[in-house]
């Protein structure tokens, strides 16, 4: 008999990739682990997501508290048994220490696993400002978990340098994103337009103000070289009222996607845009060198402008900008089964 899997997903937020992640994990579990239990509380946020934020702190606290309460009920009623896996789609889960507490006092030995997306160990992460207490919390997670999955070597090494953890617990696996749903937007005959997209949030860690600076510098450079690009547009997608179809159609016809991120451990938005044919222009740091070639990487805004000039005037092969290890180009979902072995 297979060990039971208790699956603890993130709450769905349209502006993030939590829906995609839950969809792909649930699909796999439905096909391969019919005895799994998914804990998804039936509650809704009280209001809209605060501008520029990646989560609603009060809502996510309610949501996770209800998930934890359900796990406690499972311990109390025998639903959870020795060898079962409790899998978190985000292992940065307040209250996770209570699971080790319950496991000890009930004598039910469980495996605690999950995906680590970010944390206070990353200098520019949002929760870095809470490092004084978050560090202790992260050390608890790293102690009680038997396996933690990260989406890049960058985040793995960041954790190893700054936190107490057995490196063998950390495993780099591609974060799943099934690109089959994007293929309908890769229609033959779609004409690329001179549109430069910035799809970062309105938050300090994405440095959106640099998009305007980049725009001004690029226009100045074009004018200085007496180059006219008819129809040239600069679109910050977060300022537009796009639905998903509008957004993906825009990416499919755009030429460039640019990032100014201070913090990025994978970067679904850039990866999706690249899959839909946007040449990426990204910082030469964080996770980006793992996924994109030197042609896409910049150290200064001047370099970024130079890359854009080349793309707009020479229309280079998009494949030269993307490393073959970039999971978005292959639709790699093969990492999911390894999480539940």
C-alpha atoms as a PDB file:
ATOM      1  CA  UNK A   1       0.000   0.000   0.000  1.00  0.00           C
ATOM      2  CA  UNK A   2       1.317   3.406  -0.980  1.00  0.00           C
ATOM      3  CA  UNK A   3       1.953   5.962   1.717  1.00  0.00           C
ATOM      4  CA  UNK A   4      -0.721   8.626   1.832  1.00  0.00           C
ATOM      5  CA  UNK A   5       0.049  12.121   0.557  1.00  0.00           C
ATOM      6  CA  UNK A   6      -1.385  15.156   2.312  1.00  0.00           C
ATOM      7  CA  UNK A   7      -1.060  17.961  -0.222  1.00  0.00           C
ATOM      8  CA  UNK A   8      -1.023  21.539   1.137  1.00  0.00           C
ATOM      9  CA  UNK A   9      -1.247  24.004  -1.793  1.00  0.00           C
ATOM     10  CA  UNK A  10      -0.812  27.751  -1.869  1.00  0.00           C
ATOM     11  CA  UNK A  11      -3.924  29.876  -2.166  1.00  0.00           C
ATOM     12  CA  UNK A  12      -4.781  30.863  -5.721  1.00  0.00           C
ATOM     13  CA  UNK A  13      -3.709  34.369  -6.719  1.00  0.00           C
ATOM     14  CA  UNK A  14      -4.189  35.338 -10.372  1.00  0.00           C
ATOM     15  CA  UNK A  15      -1.165  37.630 -10.491  1.00  0.00           C
ATOM     16  CA  UNK A  16       1.122  34.792  -9.367  1.00  0.00           C
ATOM     17  CA  UNK A  17       1.624  31.268 -10.630  1.00  0.00           C
ATOM     18  CA  UNK A  18      -0.084  29.515  -7.738  1.00  0.00           C
ATOM     19  CA  UNK A  19      -2.992  28.399  -9.925  1.00  0.00           C
ATOM     20  CA  UNK A  20      -0.636  26.822 -12.482  1.00  0.00           C
ATOM     21  CA  UNK A  21       1.379  25.099  -9.779  1.00  0.00           C
ATOM     22  CA  UNK A  22      -1.687  23.687  -8.036  1.00  0.00           C
ATOM     23  CA  UNK A  23      -3.202  22.569 -11.336  1.00  0.00           C
ATOM     24  CA  UNK A  24      -0.099  20.645 -12.390  1.00  0.00           C
ATOM     25  CA  UNK A  25       0.528  19.023  -8.998  1.00  0.00           C
ATOM     26  CA  UNK A  26      -3.145  18.068  -8.618  1.00  0.00           C
ATOM     27  CA  UNK A  27      -3.232  16.599 -12.129  1.00  0.00           C
ATOM     28  CA  UNK A  28      -0.234  14.387 -11.339  1.00  0.00           C
ATOM     29  CA  UNK A  29      -1.630  13.266  -7.990  1.00  0.00           C
ATOM     30  CA  UNK A  30      -5.008  12.444  -9.534  1.00  0.00           C
ATOM     31  CA  UNK A  31      -3.286  10.227 -12.092  1.00  0.00           C
ATOM     32  CA  UNK A  32      -0.702   8.557  -9.874  1.00  0.00           C
ATOM     33  CA  UNK A  33      -1.804   8.797  -6.217  1.00  0.00           C
ATOM     34  CA  UNK A  34      -5.540   8.266  -5.933  1.00  0.00           C
ATOM     35  CA  UNK A  35      -5.352   8.186  -2.134  1.00  0.00           C
ATOM     36  CA  UNK A  36      -3.995  11.703  -1.719  1.00  0.00           C
ATOM     37  CA  UNK A  37      -5.804  14.358   0.314  1.00  0.00           C
ATOM     38  CA  UNK A  38      -5.732  17.974  -0.751  1.00  0.00           C
ATOM     39  CA  UNK A  39      -6.351  20.654   1.875  1.00  0.00           C
ATOM     40  CA  UNK A  40      -7.767  23.777   0.254  1.00  0.00           C
ATOM     41  CA  UNK A  41      -9.971  25.853   2.610  1.00  0.00           C
ATOM     42  CA  UNK A  42     -13.150  27.256   1.117  1.00  0.00           C
ATOM     43  CA  UNK A  43     -12.599  30.907   1.994  1.00  0.00           C
ATOM     44  CA  UNK A  44     -12.199  34.047  -0.066  1.00  0.00           C
ATOM     45  CA  UNK A  45     -10.137  37.213   0.469  1.00  0.00           C
ATOM     46  CA  UNK A  46     -11.925  40.132   2.089  1.00  0.00           C
ATOM     47  CA  UNK A  47     -10.627  42.598  -0.483  1.00  0.00           C
ATOM     48  CA  UNK A  48      -8.317  43.018  -3.482  1.00  0.00           C
ATOM     49  CA  UNK A  49      -4.610  42.234  -3.320  1.00  0.00           C
ATOM     50  CA  UNK A  50      -2.709  45.341  -2.146  1.00  0.00           C
ATOM     51  CA  UNK A  51      -1.022  47.106  -5.112  1.00  0.00           C
ATOM     52  CA  UNK A  52       2.417  45.732  -5.892  1.00  0.00           C
ATOM     53  CA  UNK A  53       2.207  42.919  -3.347  1.00  0.00           C
ATOM     54  CA  UNK A  54       2.547  39.210  -4.096  1.00  0.00           C
ATOM     55  CA  UNK A  55       0.243  38.146  -1.258  1.00  0.00           C
ATOM     56  CA  UNK A  56      -2.493  39.290   1.097  1.00  0.00           C
ATOM     57  CA  UNK A  57      -0.902  38.744   4.532  1.00  0.00           C
ATOM     58  CA  UNK A  58      -4.124  38.511   6.595  1.00  0.00           C
ATOM     59  CA  UNK A  59      -5.800  36.213   4.069  1.00  0.00           C
ATOM     60  CA  UNK A  60      -2.814  33.878   3.659  1.00  0.00           C
ATOM     61  CA  UNK A  61      -2.536  33.646   7.448  1.00  0.00           C
ATOM     62  CA  UNK A  62      -6.211  32.624   7.724  1.00  0.00           C
ATOM     63  CA  UNK A  63      -5.815  30.206   4.839  1.00  0.00           C
ATOM     64  CA  UNK A  64      -2.720  28.492   6.242  1.00  0.00           C
ATOM     65  CA  UNK A  65      -4.169  28.403   9.758  1.00  0.00           C
ATOM     66  CA  UNK A  66      -7.169  26.452   8.464  1.00  0.00           C
ATOM     67  CA  UNK A  67      -4.843  24.083   6.613  1.00  0.00           C
ATOM     68  CA  UNK A  68      -2.846  23.526   9.802  1.00  0.00           C
ATOM     69  CA  UNK A  69      -6.056  22.914  11.786  1.00  0.00           C
ATOM     70  CA  UNK A  70      -7.084  20.248   9.288  1.00  0.00           C
ATOM     71  CA  UNK A  71      -3.691  18.556   9.548  1.00  0.00           C
ATOM     72  CA  UNK A  72      -4.108  18.547  13.349  1.00  0.00           C
ATOM     73  CA  UNK A  73      -7.516  16.886  12.933  1.00  0.00           C
ATOM     74  CA  UNK A  74      -5.914  14.242  10.717  1.00  0.00           C
ATOM     75  CA  UNK A  75      -3.353  13.479  13.437  1.00  0.00           C
ATOM     76  CA  UNK A  76      -6.104  13.277  16.069  1.00  0.00           C
ATOM     77  CA  UNK A  77      -8.385  10.978  14.064  1.00  0.00           C
ATOM     78  CA  UNK A  78      -5.791   8.621  12.573  1.00  0.00           C
ATOM     79  CA  UNK A  79      -6.108   9.868   9.007  1.00  0.00           C
ATOM     80  CA  UNK A  80      -2.358  10.493   9.024  1.00  0.00           C
ATOM     81  CA  UNK A  81      -0.258   7.377   9.592  1.00  0.00           C
ATOM     82  CA  UNK A  82       3.422   6.399   9.766  1.00  0.00           C
ATOM     83  CA  UNK A  83       5.295   7.122   6.542  1.00  0.00           C
ATOM     84  CA  UNK A  84       2.736   9.529   5.077  1.00  0.00           C
ATOM     85  CA  UNK A  85       4.059  12.553   3.202  1.00  0.00           C
ATOM     86  CA  UNK A  86       2.876  16.063   4.026  1.00  0.00           C
ATOM     87  CA  UNK A  87       3.803  18.100   0.960  1.00  0.00           C
ATOM     88  CA  UNK A  88       3.703  21.909   0.893  1.00  0.00           C
ATOM     89  CA  UNK A  89       3.701  23.768  -2.403  1.00  0.00           C
ATOM     90  CA  UNK A  90       5.416  26.477  -0.326  1.00  0.00           C
ATOM     91  CA  UNK A  91       7.314  25.099   2.656  1.00  0.00           C
ATOM     92  CA  UNK A  92       7.711  28.625   4.101  1.00  0.00           C
ATOM     93  CA  UNK A  93       4.584  27.792   6.082  1.00  0.00           C
ATOM     94  CA  UNK A  94       3.920  29.512   9.438  1.00  0.00           C
ATOM     95  CA  UNK A  95       3.068  26.817  11.971  1.00  0.00           C
ATOM     96  CA  UNK A  96       5.016  24.062  10.269  1.00  0.00           C
ATOM     97  CA  UNK A  97       6.835  23.376  13.544  1.00  0.00           C
ATOM     98  CA  UNK A  98       3.478  22.244  15.005  1.00  0.00           C
ATOM     99  CA  UNK A  99       3.560  19.262  12.648  1.00  0.00           C
ATOM    100  CA  UNK A 100       6.855  18.065  14.112  1.00  0.00           C
ATOM    101  CA  UNK A 101       5.336  18.718  17.560  1.00  0.00           C
ATOM    102  CA  UNK A 102       2.264  16.590  16.809  1.00  0.00           C
ATOM    103  CA  UNK A 103       4.350  13.897  15.158  1.00  0.00           C
ATOM    104  CA  UNK A 104       6.486  13.572  18.285  1.00  0.00           C
ATOM    105  CA  UNK A 105       3.641  13.376  20.798  1.00  0.00           C
ATOM    106  CA  UNK A 106       1.433  11.069  18.731  1.00  0.00           C
ATOM    107  CA  UNK A 107       4.314   8.837  17.703  1.00  0.00           C
ATOM    108  CA  UNK A 108       3.206   9.109  14.060  1.00  0.00           C
ATOM    109  CA  UNK A 109       6.300   9.567  11.936  1.00  0.00           C
ATOM    110  CA  UNK A 110       5.610  11.624   8.826  1.00  0.00           C
ATOM    111  CA  UNK A 111       7.753  12.993   6.040  1.00  0.00           C
ATOM    112  CA  UNK A 112       7.679  16.773   5.624  1.00  0.00           C
ATOM    113  CA  UNK A 113       8.526  17.995   2.140  1.00  0.00           C
ATOM    114  CA  UNK A 114       7.877  21.007  -0.026  1.00  0.00           C
ATOM    115  CA  UNK A 115       9.027  23.686  -2.425  1.00  0.00           C
ATOM    116  CA  UNK A 116      11.089  26.606  -1.151  1.00  0.00           C
ATOM    117  CA  UNK A 117      10.445  29.631  -3.342  1.00  0.00           C
ATOM    118  CA  UNK A 118      12.230  32.321  -1.356  1.00  0.00           C
ATOM    119  CA  UNK A 119      13.059  33.532   2.130  1.00  0.00           C
ATOM    120  CA  UNK A 120      14.892  36.018   4.291  1.00  0.00           C
ATOM    121  CA  UNK A 121      18.216  34.450   3.319  1.00  0.00           C
ATOM    122  CA  UNK A 122      18.007  36.296  -0.026  1.00  0.00           C
ATOM    123  CA  UNK A 123      19.301  39.833   0.424  1.00  0.00           C
ATOM    124  CA  UNK A 124      16.640  41.538  -1.675  1.00  0.00           C
ATOM    125  CA  UNK A 125      13.620  39.400  -0.821  1.00  0.00           C
ATOM    126  CA  UNK A 126      10.544  41.083   0.667  1.00  0.00           C
ATOM    127  CA  UNK A 127      10.856  39.126   3.931  1.00  0.00           C
ATOM    128  CA  UNK A 128      14.511  40.068   4.385  1.00  0.00           C
ATOM    129  CA  UNK A 129      13.401  42.918   6.649  1.00  0.00           C
ATOM    130  CA  UNK A 130      12.083  40.287   9.078  1.00  0.00           C
ATOM    131  CA  UNK A 131      15.338  38.339   9.099  1.00  0.00           C
ATOM    132  CA  UNK A 132      15.868  38.740  12.858  1.00  0.00           C
ATOM    133  CA  UNK A 133      13.019  36.296  13.519  1.00  0.00           C
ATOM    134  CA  UNK A 134      12.581  34.767  10.060  1.00  0.00           C
ATOM    135  CA  UNK A 135      16.080  33.295  10.224  1.00  0.00           C
ATOM    136  CA  UNK A 136      15.105  31.263  13.285  1.00  0.00           C
ATOM    137  CA  UNK A 137      11.888  30.165  11.582  1.00  0.00           C
ATOM    138  CA  UNK A 138      13.790  29.073   8.465  1.00  0.00           C
ATOM    139  CA  UNK A 139      16.280  27.107  10.568  1.00  0.00           C
ATOM    140  CA  UNK A 140      13.293  25.237  12.048  1.00  0.00           C
ATOM    141  CA  UNK A 141      11.963  24.434   8.566  1.00  0.00           C
ATOM    142  CA  UNK A 142      15.362  23.225   7.413  1.00  0.00           C
ATOM    143  CA  UNK A 143      15.715  21.057  10.508  1.00  0.00           C
ATOM    144  CA  UNK A 144      12.341  19.282  10.435  1.00  0.00           C
ATOM    145  CA  UNK A 145      11.925  18.830   6.658  1.00  0.00           C
ATOM    146  CA  UNK A 146      13.408  15.688   5.142  1.00  0.00           C
ATOM    147  CA  UNK A 147      13.471  17.129   1.611  1.00  0.00           C
ATOM    148  CA  UNK A 148      13.210  20.655   0.184  1.00  0.00           C
ATOM    149  CA  UNK A 149      12.914  21.391  -3.530  1.00  0.00           C
ATOM    150  CA  UNK A 150      14.204  24.613  -5.088  1.00  0.00           C
ATOM    151  CA  UNK A 151      13.882  25.894  -8.642  1.00  0.00           C
ATOM    152  CA  UNK A 152      17.463  27.013  -9.173  1.00  0.00           C
ATOM    153  CA  UNK A 153      21.051  26.471  -8.107  1.00  0.00           C
ATOM    154  CA  UNK A 154      21.069  30.163  -7.168  1.00  0.00           C
ATOM    155  CA  UNK A 155      18.561  29.728  -4.353  1.00  0.00           C
ATOM    156  CA  UNK A 156      20.195  26.484  -3.189  1.00  0.00           C
ATOM    157  CA  UNK A 157      23.578  28.137  -2.774  1.00  0.00           C
ATOM    158  CA  UNK A 158      21.956  31.178  -1.152  1.00  0.00           C
ATOM    159  CA  UNK A 159      20.444  28.916   1.505  1.00  0.00           C
ATOM    160  CA  UNK A 160      23.634  26.915   2.077  1.00  0.00           C
ATOM    161  CA  UNK A 161      25.724  30.063   2.565  1.00  0.00           C
ATOM    162  CA  UNK A 162      23.402  31.700   5.062  1.00  0.00           C
ATOM    163  CA  UNK A 163      21.438  29.062   6.959  1.00  0.00           C
ATOM    164  CA  UNK A 164      22.046  25.910   8.996  1.00  0.00           C
ATOM    165  CA  UNK A 165      21.030  23.031   6.750  1.00  0.00           C
ATOM    166  CA  UNK A 166      22.248  19.675   5.542  1.00  0.00           C
ATOM    167  CA  UNK A 167      22.894  20.380   1.825  1.00  0.00           C
ATOM    168  CA  UNK A 168      21.632  16.884   0.963  1.00  0.00           C
ATOM    169  CA  UNK A 169      18.134  18.022   1.926  1.00  0.00           C
ATOM    170  CA  UNK A 170      18.100  20.588  -0.873  1.00  0.00           C
ATOM    171  CA  UNK A 171      17.331  19.365  -4.376  1.00  0.00           C
ATOM    172  CA  UNK A 172      17.268  21.545  -7.489  1.00  0.00           C
ATOM    173  CA  UNK A 173      14.319  20.554  -9.657  1.00  0.00           C
ATOM    174  CA  UNK A 174      12.565  22.565 -12.371  1.00  0.00           C
ATOM    175  CA  UNK A 175       9.432  24.195 -11.025  1.00  0.00           C
ATOM    176  CA  UNK A 176       6.601  22.765 -13.099  1.00  0.00           C
ATOM    177  CA  UNK A 177       4.785  24.877 -15.623  1.00  0.00           C
ATOM    178  CA  UNK A 178       2.931  23.037 -18.354  1.00  0.00           C
ATOM    179  CA  UNK A 179       3.396  25.146 -21.467  1.00  0.00           C
ATOM    180  CA  UNK A 180       0.772  23.242 -23.432  1.00  0.00           C
ATOM    181  CA  UNK A 181      -1.717  25.953 -22.502  1.00  0.00           C
ATOM    182  CA  UNK A 182       0.514  28.570 -24.123  1.00  0.00           C
ATOM    183  CA  UNK A 183       0.816  26.824 -27.463  1.00  0.00           C
ATOM    184  CA  UNK A 184      -2.521  28.154 -28.675  1.00  0.00           C
ATOM    185  CA  UNK A 185      -0.950  31.616 -28.601  1.00  0.00           C
ATOM    186  CA  UNK A 186       2.066  30.515 -30.693  1.00  0.00           C
ATOM    187  CA  UNK A 187       0.062  30.635 -33.875  1.00  0.00           C
ATOM    188  CA  UNK A 188       1.853  30.471 -37.195  1.00  0.00           C
ATOM    189  CA  UNK A 189       1.854  33.752 -39.019  1.00  0.00           C
ATOM    190  CA  UNK A 190       1.825  35.946 -35.903  1.00  0.00           C
ATOM    191  CA  UNK A 191       3.883  38.976 -36.897  1.00  0.00           C
ATOM    192  CA  UNK A 192       6.239  40.225 -34.248  1.00  0.00           C
ATOM    193  CA  UNK A 193       5.843  43.917 -33.500  1.00  0.00           C
ATOM    194  CA  UNK A 194       8.429  46.295 -31.980  1.00  0.00           C
ATOM    195  CA  UNK A 195       6.820  46.046 -28.556  1.00  0.00           C
ATOM    196  CA  UNK A 196       8.962  45.964 -25.419  1.00  0.00           C
ATOM    197  CA  UNK A 197       7.193  44.434 -22.445  1.00  0.00           C
ATOM    198  CA  UNK A 198       7.904  44.867 -18.752  1.00  0.00           C
ATOM    199  CA  UNK A 199       5.806  42.400 -16.745  1.00  0.00           C
ATOM    200  CA  UNK A 200       7.162  43.031 -13.253  1.00  0.00           C
ATOM    201  CA  UNK A 201       5.053  44.027 -10.273  1.00  0.00           C
ATOM    202  CA  UNK A 202       4.878  47.586  -8.958  1.00  0.00           C
ATOM    203  CA  UNK A 203       7.212  46.777  -6.099  1.00  0.00           C
ATOM    204  CA  UNK A 204      10.705  47.802  -5.070  1.00  0.00           C
ATOM    205  CA  UNK A 205      12.185  44.338  -5.701  1.00  0.00           C
ATOM    206  CA  UNK A 206      11.179  44.604  -9.388  1.00  0.00           C
ATOM    207  CA  UNK A 207      12.415  48.250  -9.768  1.00  0.00           C
ATOM    208  CA  UNK A 208       9.665  49.342 -12.188  1.00  0.00           C
ATOM    209  CA  UNK A 209      10.984  52.917 -12.327  1.00  0.00           C
ATOM    210  CA  UNK A 210      13.925  51.597 -14.342  1.00  0.00           C
ATOM    211  CA  UNK A 211      11.569  50.710 -17.203  1.00  0.00           C
ATOM    212  CA  UNK A 212      10.934  54.399 -17.887  1.00  0.00           C
ATOM    213  CA  UNK A 213      14.641  55.126 -17.608  1.00  0.00           C
ATOM    214  CA  UNK A 214      15.392  52.275 -19.996  1.00  0.00           C
ATOM    215  CA  UNK A 215      12.772  53.635 -22.419  1.00  0.00           C
ATOM    216  CA  UNK A 216      14.258  57.143 -22.399  1.00  0.00           C
ATOM    217  CA  UNK A 217      17.792  55.827 -22.885  1.00  0.00           C
ATOM    218  CA  UNK A 218      16.748  53.571 -25.770  1.00  0.00           C
ATOM    219  CA  UNK A 219      14.837  56.327 -27.576  1.00  0.00           C
ATOM    220  CA  UNK A 220      17.820  58.661 -27.142  1.00  0.00           C
ATOM    221  CA  UNK A 221      20.140  56.023 -28.595  1.00  0.00           C
ATOM    222  CA  UNK A 222      17.836  55.392 -31.557  1.00  0.00           C
ATOM    223  CA  UNK A 223      17.613  59.111 -32.273  1.00  0.00           C
ATOM    224  CA  UNK A 224      21.369  59.543 -31.959  1.00  0.00           C
ATOM    225  CA  UNK A 225      21.852  56.871 -34.608  1.00  0.00           C
ATOM    226  CA  UNK A 226      19.027  58.265 -36.756  1.00  0.00           C
ATOM    227  CA  UNK A 227      17.128  54.983 -36.515  1.00  0.00           C
ATOM    228  CA  UNK A 228      13.349  55.006 -36.792  1.00  0.00           C
ATOM    229  CA  UNK A 229      11.354  52.025 -35.499  1.00  0.00           C
ATOM    230  CA  UNK A 230       7.736  52.498 -36.668  1.00  0.00           C
ATOM    231  CA  UNK A 231       5.218  51.328 -34.096  1.00  0.00           C
ATOM    232  CA  UNK A 232       7.733  51.067 -31.243  1.00  0.00           C
ATOM    233  CA  UNK A 233       5.835  50.601 -27.953  1.00  0.00           C
ATOM    234  CA  UNK A 234       6.800  50.177 -24.315  1.00  0.00           C
ATOM    235  CA  UNK A 235       4.147  48.359 -22.273  1.00  0.00           C
ATOM    236  CA  UNK A 236       4.171  47.770 -18.533  1.00  0.00           C
ATOM    237  CA  UNK A 237       1.607  44.996 -18.361  1.00  0.00           C
ATOM    238  CA  UNK A 238       0.739  45.556 -14.689  1.00  0.00           C
ATOM    239  CA  UNK A 239      -0.667  48.969 -15.640  1.00  0.00           C
ATOM    240  CA  UNK A 240      -3.045  47.447 -18.185  1.00  0.00           C
ATOM    241  CA  UNK A 241      -6.367  45.762 -17.517  1.00  0.00           C
ATOM    242  CA  UNK A 242      -5.446  42.546 -19.329  1.00  0.00           C
ATOM    243  CA  UNK A 243      -7.097  39.218 -18.843  1.00  0.00           C
ATOM    244  CA  UNK A 244      -4.854  36.160 -19.339  1.00  0.00           C
ATOM    245  CA  UNK A 245      -5.760  35.780 -23.017  1.00  0.00           C
ATOM    246  CA  UNK A 246      -5.012  39.458 -23.718  1.00  0.00           C
ATOM    247  CA  UNK A 247      -1.712  39.151 -21.869  1.00  0.00           C
ATOM    248  CA  UNK A 248      -0.546  36.043 -23.713  1.00  0.00           C
ATOM    249  CA  UNK A 249      -1.623  37.470 -27.069  1.00  0.00           C
ATOM    250  CA  UNK A 250       0.465  40.547 -26.299  1.00  0.00           C
ATOM    251  CA  UNK A 251       3.508  38.399 -25.484  1.00  0.00           C
ATOM    252  CA  UNK A 252       3.027  36.399 -28.673  1.00  0.00           C
ATOM    253  CA  UNK A 253       3.297  39.523 -30.823  1.00  0.00           C
ATOM    254  CA  UNK A 254       5.931  41.388 -28.783  1.00  0.00           C
ATOM    255  CA  UNK A 255       9.652  41.367 -29.531  1.00  0.00           C
ATOM    256  CA  UNK A 256      11.293  41.905 -26.141  1.00  0.00           C
ATOM    257  CA  UNK A 257      10.648  41.254 -22.462  1.00  0.00           C
ATOM    258  CA  UNK A 258      12.851  43.026 -19.936  1.00  0.00           C
ATOM    259  CA  UNK A 259      13.521  42.530 -16.234  1.00  0.00           C
ATOM    260  CA  UNK A 260      15.109  44.827 -13.649  1.00  0.00           C
ATOM    261  CA  UNK A 261      14.562  42.451 -10.745  1.00  0.00           C
ATOM    262  CA  UNK A 262      16.497  42.647  -7.512  1.00  0.00           C
ATOM    263  CA  UNK A 263      15.039  39.312  -6.418  1.00  0.00           C
ATOM    264  CA  UNK A 264      14.186  36.333  -8.590  1.00  0.00           C
ATOM    265  CA  UNK A 265      14.544  32.646  -7.848  1.00  0.00           C
ATOM    266  CA  UNK A 266      13.013  31.390 -11.073  1.00  0.00           C
ATOM    267  CA  UNK A 267      11.001  33.998 -12.969  1.00  0.00           C
ATOM    268  CA  UNK A 268       7.895  32.456 -14.519  1.00  0.00           C
ATOM    269  CA  UNK A 269       6.887  35.718 -16.200  1.00  0.00           C
ATOM    270  CA  UNK A 270      10.121  36.078 -18.166  1.00  0.00           C
ATOM    271  CA  UNK A 271      10.182  32.361 -18.968  1.00  0.00           C
ATOM    272  CA  UNK A 272       6.632  32.421 -20.342  1.00  0.00           C
ATOM    273  CA  UNK A 273       7.378  35.490 -22.444  1.00  0.00           C
ATOM    274  CA  UNK A 274      10.513  33.835 -23.840  1.00  0.00           C
ATOM    275  CA  UNK A 275       8.512  30.716 -24.689  1.00  0.00           C
ATOM    276  CA  UNK A 276       6.117  32.929 -26.641  1.00  0.00           C
ATOM    277  CA  UNK A 277       8.993  34.434 -28.612  1.00  0.00           C
ATOM    278  CA  UNK A 278      10.021  37.540 -26.683  1.00  0.00           C
ATOM    279  CA  UNK A 279      13.783  38.013 -26.562  1.00  0.00           C
ATOM    280  CA  UNK A 280      14.675  38.288 -22.853  1.00  0.00           C
ATOM    281  CA  UNK A 281      16.842  41.114 -21.553  1.00  0.00           C
ATOM    282  CA  UNK A 282      17.650  40.237 -17.944  1.00  0.00           C
ATOM    283  CA  UNK A 283      20.164  41.079 -15.194  1.00  0.00           C
ATOM    284  CA  UNK A 284      23.400  39.108 -15.123  1.00  0.00           C
ATOM    285  CA  UNK A 285      22.677  37.793 -11.635  1.00  0.00           C
ATOM    286  CA  UNK A 286      20.161  35.850  -9.545  1.00  0.00           C
ATOM    287  CA  UNK A 287      18.719  32.849 -11.384  1.00  0.00           C
ATOM    288  CA  UNK A 288      18.962  34.388 -14.859  1.00  0.00           C
ATOM    289  CA  UNK A 289      22.429  33.083 -15.879  1.00  0.00           C
ATOM    290  CA  UNK A 290      21.128  29.534 -15.308  1.00  0.00           C
ATOM    291  CA  UNK A 291      18.304  29.992 -17.802  1.00  0.00           C
ATOM    292  CA  UNK A 292      19.522  32.527 -20.377  1.00  0.00           C
ATOM    293  CA  UNK A 293      22.663  32.896 -22.461  1.00  0.00           C
ATOM    294  CA  UNK A 294      25.156  35.750 -22.391  1.00  0.00           C
ATOM    295  CA  UNK A 295      23.315  37.479 -25.232  1.00  0.00           C
ATOM    296  CA  UNK A 296      20.382  38.128 -22.871  1.00  0.00           C
ATOM    297  CA  UNK A 297      22.345  39.222 -19.791  1.00  0.00           C
ATOM    298  CA  UNK A 298      23.234  42.787 -18.870  1.00  0.00           C
ATOM    299  CA  UNK A 299      25.310  44.346 -16.096  1.00  0.00           C
ATOM    300  CA  UNK A 300      24.264  47.969 -16.662  1.00  0.00           C
ATOM    301  CA  UNK A 301      21.311  49.757 -18.221  1.00  0.00           C
ATOM    302  CA  UNK A 302      23.601  50.875 -21.041  1.00  0.00           C
ATOM    303  CA  UNK A 303      24.256  47.217 -21.824  1.00  0.00           C
ATOM    304  CA  UNK A 304      20.525  46.470 -21.689  1.00  0.00           C
ATOM    305  CA  UNK A 305      19.875  49.283 -24.174  1.00  0.00           C
ATOM    306  CA  UNK A 306      22.570  47.885 -26.454  1.00  0.00           C
ATOM    307  CA  UNK A 307      20.924  44.455 -26.442  1.00  0.00           C
ATOM    308  CA  UNK A 308      17.559  46.042 -27.263  1.00  0.00           C
ATOM    309  CA  UNK A 309      19.115  48.019 -30.135  1.00  0.00           C
ATOM    310  CA  UNK A 310      20.498  44.784 -31.571  1.00  0.00           C
ATOM    311  CA  UNK A 311      17.169  42.975 -31.300  1.00  0.00           C
ATOM    312  CA  UNK A 312      15.137  45.814 -32.781  1.00  0.00           C
ATOM    313  CA  UNK A 313      17.470  46.385 -35.730  1.00  0.00           C
ATOM    314  CA  UNK A 314      18.751  42.870 -36.511  1.00  0.00           C
ATOM    315  CA  UNK A 315      15.889  40.540 -35.428  1.00  0.00           C
ATOM    316  CA  UNK A 316      18.227  37.822 -34.088  1.00  0.00           C
ATOM    317  CA  UNK A 317      17.281  34.201 -33.438  1.00  0.00           C
ATOM    318  CA  UNK A 318      15.378  34.014 -30.126  1.00  0.00           C
ATOM    319  CA  UNK A 319      16.891  30.584 -29.422  1.00  0.00           C
ATOM    320  CA  UNK A 320      20.311  32.169 -28.948  1.00  0.00           C
ATOM    321  CA  UNK A 321      18.991  33.883 -25.823  1.00  0.00           C
ATOM    322  CA  UNK A 322      17.574  30.830 -24.061  1.00  0.00           C
ATOM    323  CA  UNK A 323      19.569  27.964 -22.591  1.00  0.00           C
ATOM    324  CA  UNK A 324      18.262  24.509 -23.387  1.00  0.00           C
ATOM    325  CA  UNK A 325      18.020  23.824 -19.651  1.00  0.00           C
ATOM    326  CA  UNK A 326      15.254  26.420 -19.383  1.00  0.00           C
ATOM    327  CA  UNK A 327      12.294  24.210 -18.443  1.00  0.00           C
ATOM    328  CA  UNK A 328       9.767  26.545 -20.036  1.00  0.00           C
ATOM    329  CA  UNK A 329      11.098  25.634 -23.499  1.00  0.00           C
ATOM    330  CA  UNK A 330      10.410  21.948 -22.926  1.00  0.00           C
ATOM    331  CA  UNK A 331       7.325  21.995 -20.726  1.00  0.00           C
ATOM    332  CA  UNK A 332       9.192  19.910 -18.160  1.00  0.00           C
ATOM    333  CA  UNK A 333       6.783  18.430 -15.610  1.00  0.00           C
ATOM    334  CA  UNK A 334       9.035  15.484 -14.858  1.00  0.00           C
ATOM    335  CA  UNK A 335      10.173  16.985 -11.565  1.00  0.00           C
ATOM    336  CA  UNK A 336       6.810  16.385  -9.866  1.00  0.00           C
ATOM    337  CA  UNK A 337       7.102  12.595  -9.413  1.00  0.00           C
ATOM    338  CA  UNK A 338      10.455  12.954  -7.609  1.00  0.00           C
ATOM    339  CA  UNK A 339       8.781  14.967  -4.855  1.00  0.00           C
ATOM    340  CA  UNK A 340       6.588  12.076  -3.766  1.00  0.00           C
ATOM    341  CA  UNK A 341       8.988   9.127  -3.881  1.00  0.00           C
END
